[in-house]
Amino acid sequence: LRTDAAVVEAAGAGGLSGAPLAPRALEVLRILRRVLPADACVISVGGVDTAADVQARLDAGATLVQGYTAFLYRGPLWARSVNTGLARLRRPR
């Protein structure tokens, strides 16, 4: 795929990241999980911010979940916070 240089220049620096990506990323994950072999490793990324986001990706079939924008804005303790929240969500009741 190629994008005309004028289109790229008009868009300016940067790109789309964070929460706006979440719905489409989840949709693509579901599509990939349907068409790929069950043992395929699928890493989901895009709009992952909370433990609930991670759980939704795991429920949709992600093998691994990657966060980036939230990590940049919240720092390295963001991963710890998500893992703690995920442990709470997954704890048997």
PDB file of N, CA and C in Angstrom:
ATOM      1  N   LEU A   1       0.838  -1.175   0.000  1.00  0.00           N
ATOM      2  CA  LEU A   1       0.000   0.000   0.000  1.00  0.00           C
ATOM      3  C   LEU A   1       0.880   1.234   0.000  1.00  0.00           C
ATOM      4  N   ARG A   2       0.434   2.226  -0.710  1.00  0.00           N
ATOM      5  CA  ARG A   2       1.177   3.484  -0.750  1.00  0.00           C
ATOM      6  C   ARG A   2       0.218   4.635  -0.546  1.00  0.00           C
ATOM      7  N   THR A   3       0.662   5.601   0.185  1.00  0.00           N
ATOM      8  CA  THR A   3      -0.115   6.821   0.380  1.00  0.00           C
ATOM      9  C   THR A   3       0.636   7.951  -0.285  1.00  0.00           C
ATOM     10  N   ASP A   4      -0.079   8.735  -1.066  1.00  0.00           N
ATOM     11  CA  ASP A   4       0.520   9.868  -1.758  1.00  0.00           C
ATOM     12  C   ASP A   4       1.200  10.784  -0.740  1.00  0.00           C
ATOM     13  N   ALA A   5       2.385  11.271  -1.072  1.00  0.00           N
ATOM     14  CA  ALA A   5       3.165  12.110  -0.159  1.00  0.00           C
ATOM     15  C   ALA A   5       2.395  13.351   0.276  1.00  0.00           C
ATOM     16  N   ALA A   6       1.590  13.918  -0.612  1.00  0.00           N
ATOM     17  CA  ALA A   6       0.810  15.112  -0.267  1.00  0.00           C
ATOM     18  C   ALA A   6      -0.218  14.800   0.821  1.00  0.00           C
ATOM     19  N   VAL A   7      -0.784  13.608   0.775  1.00  0.00           N
ATOM     20  CA  VAL A   7      -1.762  13.203   1.790  1.00  0.00           C
ATOM     21  C   VAL A   7      -1.073  13.053   3.142  1.00  0.00           C
ATOM     22  N   VAL A   8       0.093  12.425   3.140  1.00  0.00           N
ATOM     23  CA  VAL A   8       0.857  12.249   4.380  1.00  0.00           C
ATOM     24  C   VAL A   8       1.252  13.606   4.947  1.00  0.00           C
ATOM     25  N   GLU A   9       1.719  14.496   4.093  1.00  0.00           N
ATOM     26  CA  GLU A   9       2.131  15.827   4.539  1.00  0.00           C
ATOM     27  C   GLU A   9       0.949  16.603   5.112  1.00  0.00           C
ATOM     28  N   ALA A  10      -0.205  16.489   4.493  1.00  0.00           N
ATOM     29  CA  ALA A  10      -1.396  17.196   4.974  1.00  0.00           C
ATOM     30  C   ALA A  10      -1.847  16.681   6.337  1.00  0.00           C
ATOM     31  N   ALA A  11      -1.613  15.408   6.603  1.00  0.00           N
ATOM     32  CA  ALA A  11      -2.017  14.825   7.885  1.00  0.00           C
ATOM     33  C   ALA A  11      -1.169  15.355   9.030  1.00  0.00           C
ATOM     34  N   GLY A  12       0.061  15.742   8.747  1.00  0.00           N
ATOM     35  CA  GLY A  12       0.936  16.273   9.777  1.00  0.00           C
ATOM     36  C   GLY A  12       1.645  15.182  10.551  1.00  0.00           C
ATOM     37  N   ALA A  13       2.406  15.617  11.546  1.00  0.00           N
ATOM     38  CA  ALA A  13       3.193  14.683  12.349  1.00  0.00           C
ATOM     39  C   ALA A  13       2.293  13.853  13.248  1.00  0.00           C
ATOM     40  N   GLY A  14       2.776  12.694  13.580  1.00  0.00           N
ATOM     41  CA  GLY A  14       2.052  11.847  14.514  1.00  0.00           C
ATOM     42  C   GLY A  14       1.004  10.997  13.833  1.00  0.00           C
ATOM     43  N   GLY A  15       0.251  10.314  14.635  1.00  0.00           N
ATOM     44  CA  GLY A  15      -0.779   9.435  14.110  1.00  0.00           C
ATOM     45  C   GLY A  15      -1.816   9.189  15.174  1.00  0.00           C
ATOM     46  N   LEU A  16      -2.662   8.253  14.903  1.00  0.00           N
ATOM     47  CA  LEU A  16      -3.728   7.904  15.827  1.00  0.00           C
ATOM     48  C   LEU A  16      -3.203   6.889  16.833  1.00  0.00           C
ATOM     49  N   SER A  17      -3.488   7.113  18.102  1.00  0.00           N
ATOM     50  CA  SER A  17      -3.064   6.162  19.130  1.00  0.00           C
ATOM     51  C   SER A  17      -4.025   6.233  20.301  1.00  0.00           C
ATOM     52  N   GLY A  18      -3.894   5.266  21.187  1.00  0.00           N
ATOM     53  CA  GLY A  18      -4.701   5.265  22.397  1.00  0.00           C
ATOM     54  C   GLY A  18      -6.131   4.810  22.187  1.00  0.00           C
ATOM     55  N   ALA A  19      -7.020   5.326  23.021  1.00  0.00           N
ATOM     56  CA  ALA A  19      -8.416   4.888  23.085  1.00  0.00           C
ATOM     57  C   ALA A  19      -9.152   4.867  21.747  1.00  0.00           C
ATOM     58  N   PRO A  20      -8.929   5.813  20.831  1.00  0.00           N
ATOM     59  CA  PRO A  20      -9.663   5.759  19.562  1.00  0.00           C
ATOM     60  C   PRO A  20      -9.416   4.477  18.761  1.00  0.00           C
ATOM     61  N   LEU A  21      -8.319   3.798  19.031  1.00  0.00           N
ATOM     62  CA  LEU A  21      -8.000   2.564  18.305  1.00  0.00           C
ATOM     63  C   LEU A  21      -8.725   1.338  18.844  1.00  0.00           C
ATOM     64  N   ALA A  22      -9.215   1.400  20.063  1.00  0.00           N
ATOM     65  CA  ALA A  22      -9.730   0.216  20.748  1.00  0.00           C
ATOM     66  C   ALA A  22     -10.830  -0.533  19.996  1.00  0.00           C
ATOM     67  N   PRO A  23     -11.893   0.123  19.535  1.00  0.00           N
ATOM     68  CA  PRO A  23     -12.959  -0.648  18.875  1.00  0.00           C
ATOM     69  C   PRO A  23     -12.478  -1.391  17.627  1.00  0.00           C
ATOM     70  N   ARG A  24     -11.714  -0.710  16.796  1.00  0.00           N
ATOM     71  CA  ARG A  24     -11.230  -1.351  15.565  1.00  0.00           C
ATOM     72  C   ARG A  24     -10.227  -2.451  15.888  1.00  0.00           C
ATOM     73  N   ALA A  25      -9.358  -2.228  16.861  1.00  0.00           N
ATOM     74  CA  ALA A  25      -8.372  -3.245  17.237  1.00  0.00           C
ATOM     75  C   ALA A  25      -9.060  -4.512  17.734  1.00  0.00           C
ATOM     76  N   LEU A  26     -10.115  -4.354  18.505  1.00  0.00           N
ATOM     77  CA  LEU A  26     -10.862  -5.508  19.005  1.00  0.00           C
ATOM     78  C   LEU A  26     -11.569  -6.228  17.855  1.00  0.00           C
ATOM     79  N   GLU A  27     -12.106  -5.457  16.925  1.00  0.00           N
ATOM     80  CA  GLU A  27     -12.753  -6.044  15.743  1.00  0.00           C
ATOM     81  C   GLU A  27     -11.754  -6.863  14.918  1.00  0.00           C
ATOM     82  N   VAL A  28     -10.578  -6.301  14.684  1.00  0.00           N
ATOM     83  CA  VAL A  28      -9.545  -7.002  13.911  1.00  0.00           C
ATOM     84  C   VAL A  28      -9.085  -8.257  14.650  1.00  0.00           C
ATOM     85  N   LEU A  29      -8.941  -8.171  15.954  1.00  0.00           N
ATOM     86  CA  LEU A  29      -8.564  -9.338  16.754  1.00  0.00           C
ATOM     87  C   LEU A  29      -9.572 -10.468  16.556  1.00  0.00           C
ATOM     88  N   ARG A  30     -10.848 -10.146  16.615  1.00  0.00           N
ATOM     89  CA  ARG A  30     -11.883 -11.178  16.444  1.00  0.00           C
ATOM     90  C   ARG A  30     -11.829 -11.799  15.051  1.00  0.00           C
ATOM     91  N   ILE A  31     -11.577 -10.979  14.051  1.00  0.00           N
ATOM     92  CA  ILE A  31     -11.450 -11.493  12.682  1.00  0.00           C
ATOM     93  C   ILE A  31     -10.251 -12.430  12.588  1.00  0.00           C
ATOM     94  N   LEU A  32      -9.116 -11.990  13.098  1.00  0.00           N
ATOM     95  CA  LEU A  32      -7.904 -12.814  13.041  1.00  0.00           C
ATOM     96  C   LEU A  32      -8.096 -14.137  13.758  1.00  0.00           C
ATOM     97  N   ARG A  33      -8.733 -14.089  14.909  1.00  0.00           N
ATOM     98  CA  ARG A  33      -8.919 -15.323  15.668  1.00  0.00           C
ATOM     99  C   ARG A  33      -9.814 -16.302  14.908  1.00  0.00           C
ATOM    100  N   ARG A  34     -10.775 -15.781  14.149  1.00  0.00           N
ATOM    101  CA  ARG A  34     -11.656 -16.662  13.360  1.00  0.00           C
ATOM    102  C   ARG A  34     -10.920 -17.332  12.210  1.00  0.00           C
ATOM    103  N   VAL A  35      -9.979 -16.618  11.589  1.00  0.00           N
ATOM    104  CA  VAL A  35      -9.356 -17.138  10.371  1.00  0.00           C
ATOM    105  C   VAL A  35      -8.012 -17.824  10.597  1.00  0.00           C
ATOM    106  N   LEU A  36      -7.372 -17.573  11.720  1.00  0.00           N
ATOM    107  CA  LEU A  36      -6.066 -18.183  11.981  1.00  0.00           C
ATOM    108  C   LEU A  36      -6.225 -19.522  12.689  1.00  0.00           C
ATOM    109  N   PRO A  37      -5.218 -20.378  12.573  1.00  0.00           N
ATOM    110  CA  PRO A  37      -5.257 -21.641  13.321  1.00  0.00           C
ATOM    111  C   PRO A  37      -5.336 -21.366  14.825  1.00  0.00           C
ATOM    112  N   ALA A  38      -5.951 -22.284  15.537  1.00  0.00           N
ATOM    113  CA  ALA A  38      -6.143 -22.112  16.985  1.00  0.00           C
ATOM    114  C   ALA A  38      -4.827 -21.940  17.734  1.00  0.00           C
ATOM    115  N   ASP A  39      -3.748 -22.522  17.215  1.00  0.00           N
ATOM    116  CA  ASP A  39      -2.467 -22.426  17.917  1.00  0.00           C
ATOM    117  C   ASP A  39      -1.634 -21.212  17.498  1.00  0.00           C
ATOM    118  N   ALA A  40      -2.189 -20.351  16.643  1.00  0.00           N
ATOM    119  CA  ALA A  40      -1.463 -19.146  16.222  1.00  0.00           C
ATOM    120  C   ALA A  40      -1.384 -18.159  17.382  1.00  0.00           C
ATOM    121  N   CYS A  41      -0.221 -17.567  17.553  1.00  0.00           N
ATOM    122  CA  CYS A  41      -0.029 -16.545  18.578  1.00  0.00           C
ATOM    123  C   CYS A  41      -0.533 -15.212  18.025  1.00  0.00           C
ATOM    124  N   VAL A  42      -1.480 -14.606  18.719  1.00  0.00           N
ATOM    125  CA  VAL A  42      -2.032 -13.323  18.286  1.00  0.00           C
ATOM    126  C   VAL A  42      -1.793 -12.303  19.396  1.00  0.00           C
ATOM    127  N   ILE A  43      -1.067 -11.244  19.056  1.00  0.00           N
ATOM    128  CA  ILE A  43      -0.770 -10.176  20.005  1.00  0.00           C
ATOM    129  C   ILE A  43      -1.699  -9.014  19.694  1.00  0.00           C
ATOM    130  N   SER A  44      -2.516  -8.644  20.661  1.00  0.00           N
ATOM    131  CA  SER A  44      -3.473  -7.562  20.460  1.00  0.00           C
ATOM    132  C   SER A  44      -2.905  -6.262  21.008  1.00  0.00           C
ATOM    133  N   VAL A  45      -3.063  -5.199  20.240  1.00  0.00           N
ATOM    134  CA  VAL A  45      -2.552  -3.888  20.622  1.00  0.00           C
ATOM    135  C   VAL A  45      -3.483  -2.826  20.049  1.00  0.00           C
ATOM    136  N   GLY A  46      -3.542  -1.694  20.714  1.00  0.00           N
ATOM    137  CA  GLY A  46      -4.351  -0.586  20.222  1.00  0.00           C
ATOM    138  C   GLY A  46      -5.456  -0.226  21.194  1.00  0.00           C
ATOM    139  N   GLY A  47      -5.278   0.845  21.931  1.00  0.00           N
ATOM    140  CA  GLY A  47      -6.295   1.303  22.855  1.00  0.00           C
ATOM    141  C   GLY A  47      -6.375   0.521  24.145  1.00  0.00           C
ATOM    142  N   VAL A  48      -5.323  -0.152  24.501  1.00  0.00           N
ATOM    143  CA  VAL A  48      -5.299  -0.923  25.751  1.00  0.00           C
ATOM    144  C   VAL A  48      -4.890   0.020  26.877  1.00  0.00           C
ATOM    145  N   ASP A  49      -5.789   0.196  27.851  1.00  0.00           N
ATOM    146  CA  ASP A  49      -5.536   1.154  28.915  1.00  0.00           C
ATOM    147  C   ASP A  49      -5.748   0.565  30.305  1.00  0.00           C
ATOM    148  N   THR A  50      -6.726  -0.312  30.443  1.00  0.00           N
ATOM    149  CA  THR A  50      -7.103  -0.827  31.758  1.00  0.00           C
ATOM    150  C   THR A  50      -7.059  -2.355  31.790  1.00  0.00           C
ATOM    151  N   ALA A  51      -7.187  -2.887  32.994  1.00  0.00           N
ATOM    152  CA  ALA A  51      -7.268  -4.344  33.149  1.00  0.00           C
ATOM    153  C   ALA A  51      -8.483  -4.891  32.408  1.00  0.00           C
ATOM    154  N   ALA A  52      -9.574  -4.153  32.419  1.00  0.00           N
ATOM    155  CA  ALA A  52     -10.776  -4.585  31.695  1.00  0.00           C
ATOM    156  C   ALA A  52     -10.508  -4.653  30.196  1.00  0.00           C
ATOM    157  N   ASP A  53      -9.711  -3.723  29.679  1.00  0.00           N
ATOM    158  CA  ASP A  53      -9.333  -3.764  28.257  1.00  0.00           C
ATOM    159  C   ASP A  53      -8.544  -5.034  27.960  1.00  0.00           C
ATOM    160  N   VAL A  54      -7.610  -5.355  28.831  1.00  0.00           N
ATOM    161  CA  VAL A  54      -6.800  -6.566  28.645  1.00  0.00           C
ATOM    162  C   VAL A  54      -7.689  -7.803  28.700  1.00  0.00           C
ATOM    163  N   GLN A  55      -8.588  -7.855  29.669  1.00  0.00           N
ATOM    164  CA  GLN A  55      -9.479  -9.006  29.789  1.00  0.00           C
ATOM    165  C   GLN A  55     -10.353  -9.150  28.546  1.00  0.00           C
ATOM    166  N   ALA A  56     -10.831  -8.040  28.006  1.00  0.00           N
ATOM    167  CA  ALA A  56     -11.645  -8.092  26.785  1.00  0.00           C
ATOM    168  C   ALA A  56     -10.848  -8.678  25.627  1.00  0.00           C
ATOM    169  N   ARG A  57      -9.572  -8.322  25.527  1.00  0.00           N
ATOM    170  CA  ARG A  57      -8.718  -8.861  24.460  1.00  0.00           C
ATOM    171  C   ARG A  57      -8.482 -10.351  24.665  1.00  0.00           C
ATOM    172  N   LEU A  58      -8.235 -10.755  25.900  1.00  0.00           N
ATOM    173  CA  LEU A  58      -8.041 -12.180  26.186  1.00  0.00           C
ATOM    174  C   LEU A  58      -9.318 -12.958  25.884  1.00  0.00           C
ATOM    175  N   ASP A  59     -10.460 -12.394  26.264  1.00  0.00           N
ATOM    176  CA  ASP A  59     -11.746 -13.037  25.987  1.00  0.00           C
ATOM    177  C   ASP A  59     -11.997 -13.173  24.487  1.00  0.00           C
ATOM    178  N   ALA A  60     -11.477 -12.224  23.710  1.00  0.00           N
ATOM    179  CA  ALA A  60     -11.657 -12.245  22.258  1.00  0.00           C
ATOM    180  C   ALA A  60     -10.638 -13.140  21.559  1.00  0.00           C
ATOM    181  N   GLY A  61      -9.705 -13.717  22.331  1.00  0.00           N
ATOM    182  CA  GLY A  61      -8.779 -14.676  21.756  1.00  0.00           C
ATOM    183  C   GLY A  61      -7.334 -14.257  21.649  1.00  0.00           C
ATOM    184  N   ALA A  62      -6.972 -13.119  22.215  1.00  0.00           N
ATOM    185  CA  ALA A  62      -5.566 -12.710  22.179  1.00  0.00           C
ATOM    186  C   ALA A  62      -4.721 -13.667  23.012  1.00  0.00           C
ATOM    187  N   THR A  63      -3.544 -13.974  22.492  1.00  0.00           N
ATOM    188  CA  THR A  63      -2.578 -14.772  23.241  1.00  0.00           C
ATOM    189  C   THR A  63      -1.811 -13.864  24.195  1.00  0.00           C
ATOM    190  N   LEU A  64      -1.456 -12.701  23.697  1.00  0.00           N
ATOM    191  CA  LEU A  64      -0.732 -11.682  24.454  1.00  0.00           C
ATOM    192  C   LEU A  64      -1.386 -10.336  24.183  1.00  0.00           C
ATOM    193  N   VAL A  65      -1.207  -9.391  25.105  1.00  0.00           N
ATOM    194  CA  VAL A  65      -1.762  -8.051  24.932  1.00  0.00           C
ATOM    195  C   VAL A  65      -0.642  -7.050  25.170  1.00  0.00           C
ATOM    196  N   GLN A  66      -0.537  -6.084  24.272  1.00  0.00           N
ATOM    197  CA  GLN A  66       0.518  -5.073  24.355  1.00  0.00           C
ATOM    198  C   GLN A  66      -0.098  -3.700  24.595  1.00  0.00           C
ATOM    199  N   GLY A  67       0.499  -2.942  25.481  1.00  0.00           N
ATOM    200  CA  GLY A  67       0.092  -1.563  25.705  1.00  0.00           C
ATOM    201  C   GLY A  67       1.245  -0.639  25.372  1.00  0.00           C
ATOM    202  N   TYR A  68       0.927   0.527  24.863  1.00  0.00           N
ATOM    203  CA  TYR A  68       1.989   1.454  24.510  1.00  0.00           C
ATOM    204  C   TYR A  68       1.676   2.877  24.970  1.00  0.00           C
ATOM    205  N   THR A  69       0.594   3.447  24.457  1.00  0.00           N
ATOM    206  CA  THR A  69       0.288   4.841  24.770  1.00  0.00           C
ATOM    207  C   THR A  69       0.077   5.045  26.264  1.00  0.00           C
ATOM    208  N   ALA A  70      -0.685   4.169  26.894  1.00  0.00           N
ATOM    209  CA  ALA A  70      -0.912   4.292  28.342  1.00  0.00           C
ATOM    210  C   ALA A  70       0.407   4.186  29.102  1.00  0.00           C
ATOM    211  N   PHE A  71       1.282   3.309  28.643  1.00  0.00           N
ATOM    212  CA  PHE A  71       2.602   3.168  29.265  1.00  0.00           C
ATOM    213  C   PHE A  71       3.380   4.480  29.157  1.00  0.00           C
ATOM    214  N   LEU A  72       3.319   5.116  27.992  1.00  0.00           N
ATOM    215  CA  LEU A  72       4.040   6.379  27.811  1.00  0.00           C
ATOM    216  C   LEU A  72       3.522   7.472  28.733  1.00  0.00           C
ATOM    217  N   TYR A  73       2.209   7.545  28.876  1.00  0.00           N
ATOM    218  CA  TYR A  73       1.621   8.616  29.679  1.00  0.00           C
ATOM    219  C   TYR A  73       1.614   8.331  31.174  1.00  0.00           C
ATOM    220  N   ARG A  74       1.561   7.066  31.561  1.00  0.00           N
ATOM    221  CA  ARG A  74       1.471   6.722  32.988  1.00  0.00           C
ATOM    222  C   ARG A  74       2.768   6.185  33.574  1.00  0.00           C
ATOM    223  N   GLY A  75       3.698   5.826  32.724  1.00  0.00           N
ATOM    224  CA  GLY A  75       4.985   5.351  33.205  1.00  0.00           C
ATOM    225  C   GLY A  75       5.017   3.854  33.451  1.00  0.00           C
ATOM    226  N   PRO A  76       6.165   3.362  33.897  1.00  0.00           N
ATOM    227  CA  PRO A  76       6.368   1.922  34.031  1.00  0.00           C
ATOM    228  C   PRO A  76       5.465   1.246  35.061  1.00  0.00           C
ATOM    229  N   LEU A  77       4.926   1.992  36.006  1.00  0.00           N
ATOM    230  CA  LEU A  77       4.026   1.373  36.982  1.00  0.00           C
ATOM    231  C   LEU A  77       2.651   1.075  36.388  1.00  0.00           C
ATOM    232  N   TRP A  78       2.393   1.564  35.189  1.00  0.00           N
ATOM    233  CA  TRP A  78       1.133   1.260  34.508  1.00  0.00           C
ATOM    234  C   TRP A  78       0.962  -0.248  34.349  1.00  0.00           C
ATOM    235  N   ALA A  79       2.004  -0.941  33.942  1.00  0.00           N
ATOM    236  CA  ALA A  79       1.916  -2.390  33.740  1.00  0.00           C
ATOM    237  C   ALA A  79       1.571  -3.098  35.047  1.00  0.00           C
ATOM    238  N   ARG A  80       2.160  -2.652  36.122  1.00  0.00           N
ATOM    239  CA  ARG A  80       1.859  -3.247  37.431  1.00  0.00           C
ATOM    240  C   ARG A  80       0.388  -3.039  37.788  1.00  0.00           C
ATOM    241  N   SER A  81      -0.097  -1.843  37.553  1.00  0.00           N
ATOM    242  CA  SER A  81      -1.494  -1.524  37.838  1.00  0.00           C
ATOM    243  C   SER A  81      -2.439  -2.407  37.023  1.00  0.00           C
ATOM    244  N   VAL A  82      -2.131  -2.575  35.751  1.00  0.00           N
ATOM    245  CA  VAL A  82      -2.961  -3.425  34.890  1.00  0.00           C
ATOM    246  C   VAL A  82      -2.906  -4.872  35.367  1.00  0.00           C
ATOM    247  N   ASN A  83      -1.726  -5.360  35.701  1.00  0.00           N
ATOM    248  CA  ASN A  83      -1.604  -6.746  36.169  1.00  0.00           C
ATOM    249  C   ASN A  83      -2.348  -6.974  37.481  1.00  0.00           C
ATOM    250  N   THR A  84      -2.274  -6.016  38.380  1.00  0.00           N
ATOM    251  CA  THR A  84      -3.003  -6.124  39.645  1.00  0.00           C
ATOM    252  C   THR A  84      -4.507  -6.157  39.392  1.00  0.00           C
ATOM    253  N   GLY A  85      -4.967  -5.261  38.536  1.00  0.00           N
ATOM    254  CA  GLY A  85      -6.387  -5.232  38.194  1.00  0.00           C
ATOM    255  C   GLY A  85      -6.834  -6.493  37.487  1.00  0.00           C
ATOM    256  N   LEU A  86      -5.997  -7.009  36.621  1.00  0.00           N
ATOM    257  CA  LEU A  86      -6.322  -8.239  35.899  1.00  0.00           C
ATOM    258  C   LEU A  86      -6.415  -9.420  36.860  1.00  0.00           C
ATOM    259  N   ALA A  87      -5.525  -9.472  37.826  1.00  0.00           N
ATOM    260  CA  ALA A  87      -5.576 -10.545  38.829  1.00  0.00           C
ATOM    261  C   ALA A  87      -6.889 -10.488  39.605  1.00  0.00           C
ATOM    262  N   ARG A  88      -7.347  -9.276  39.920  1.00  0.00           N
ATOM    263  CA  ARG A  88      -8.631  -9.124  40.622  1.00  0.00           C
ATOM    264  C   ARG A  88      -9.788  -9.598  39.746  1.00  0.00           C
ATOM    265  N   LEU A  89      -9.755  -9.211  38.479  1.00  0.00           N
ATOM    266  CA  LEU A  89     -10.831  -9.599  37.558  1.00  0.00           C
ATOM    267  C   LEU A  89     -10.906 -11.107  37.365  1.00  0.00           C
ATOM    268  N   ARG A  90      -9.762 -11.758  37.382  1.00  0.00           N
ATOM    269  CA  ARG A  90      -9.700 -13.186  37.081  1.00  0.00           C
ATOM    270  C   ARG A  90      -9.795 -14.075  38.319  1.00  0.00           C
ATOM    271  N   ARG A  91      -9.821 -13.465  39.489  1.00  0.00           N
ATOM    272  CA  ARG A  91      -9.896 -14.221  40.742  1.00  0.00           C
ATOM    273  C   ARG A  91     -11.244 -14.935  40.831  1.00  0.00           C
ATOM    274  N   PRO A  92     -11.219 -16.236  41.133  1.00  0.00           N
ATOM    275  CA  PRO A  92     -12.488 -16.963  41.287  1.00  0.00           C
ATOM    276  C   PRO A  92     -13.305 -16.382  42.437  1.00  0.00           C
ATOM    277  N   ARG A  93     -14.592 -16.396  42.277  1.00  0.00           N
ATOM    278  CA  ARG A  93     -15.471 -15.833  43.319  1.00  0.00           C
ATOM    279  C   ARG A  93     -16.167 -16.909  44.065  1.00  0.00           C
TER     280      ARG A  93
END
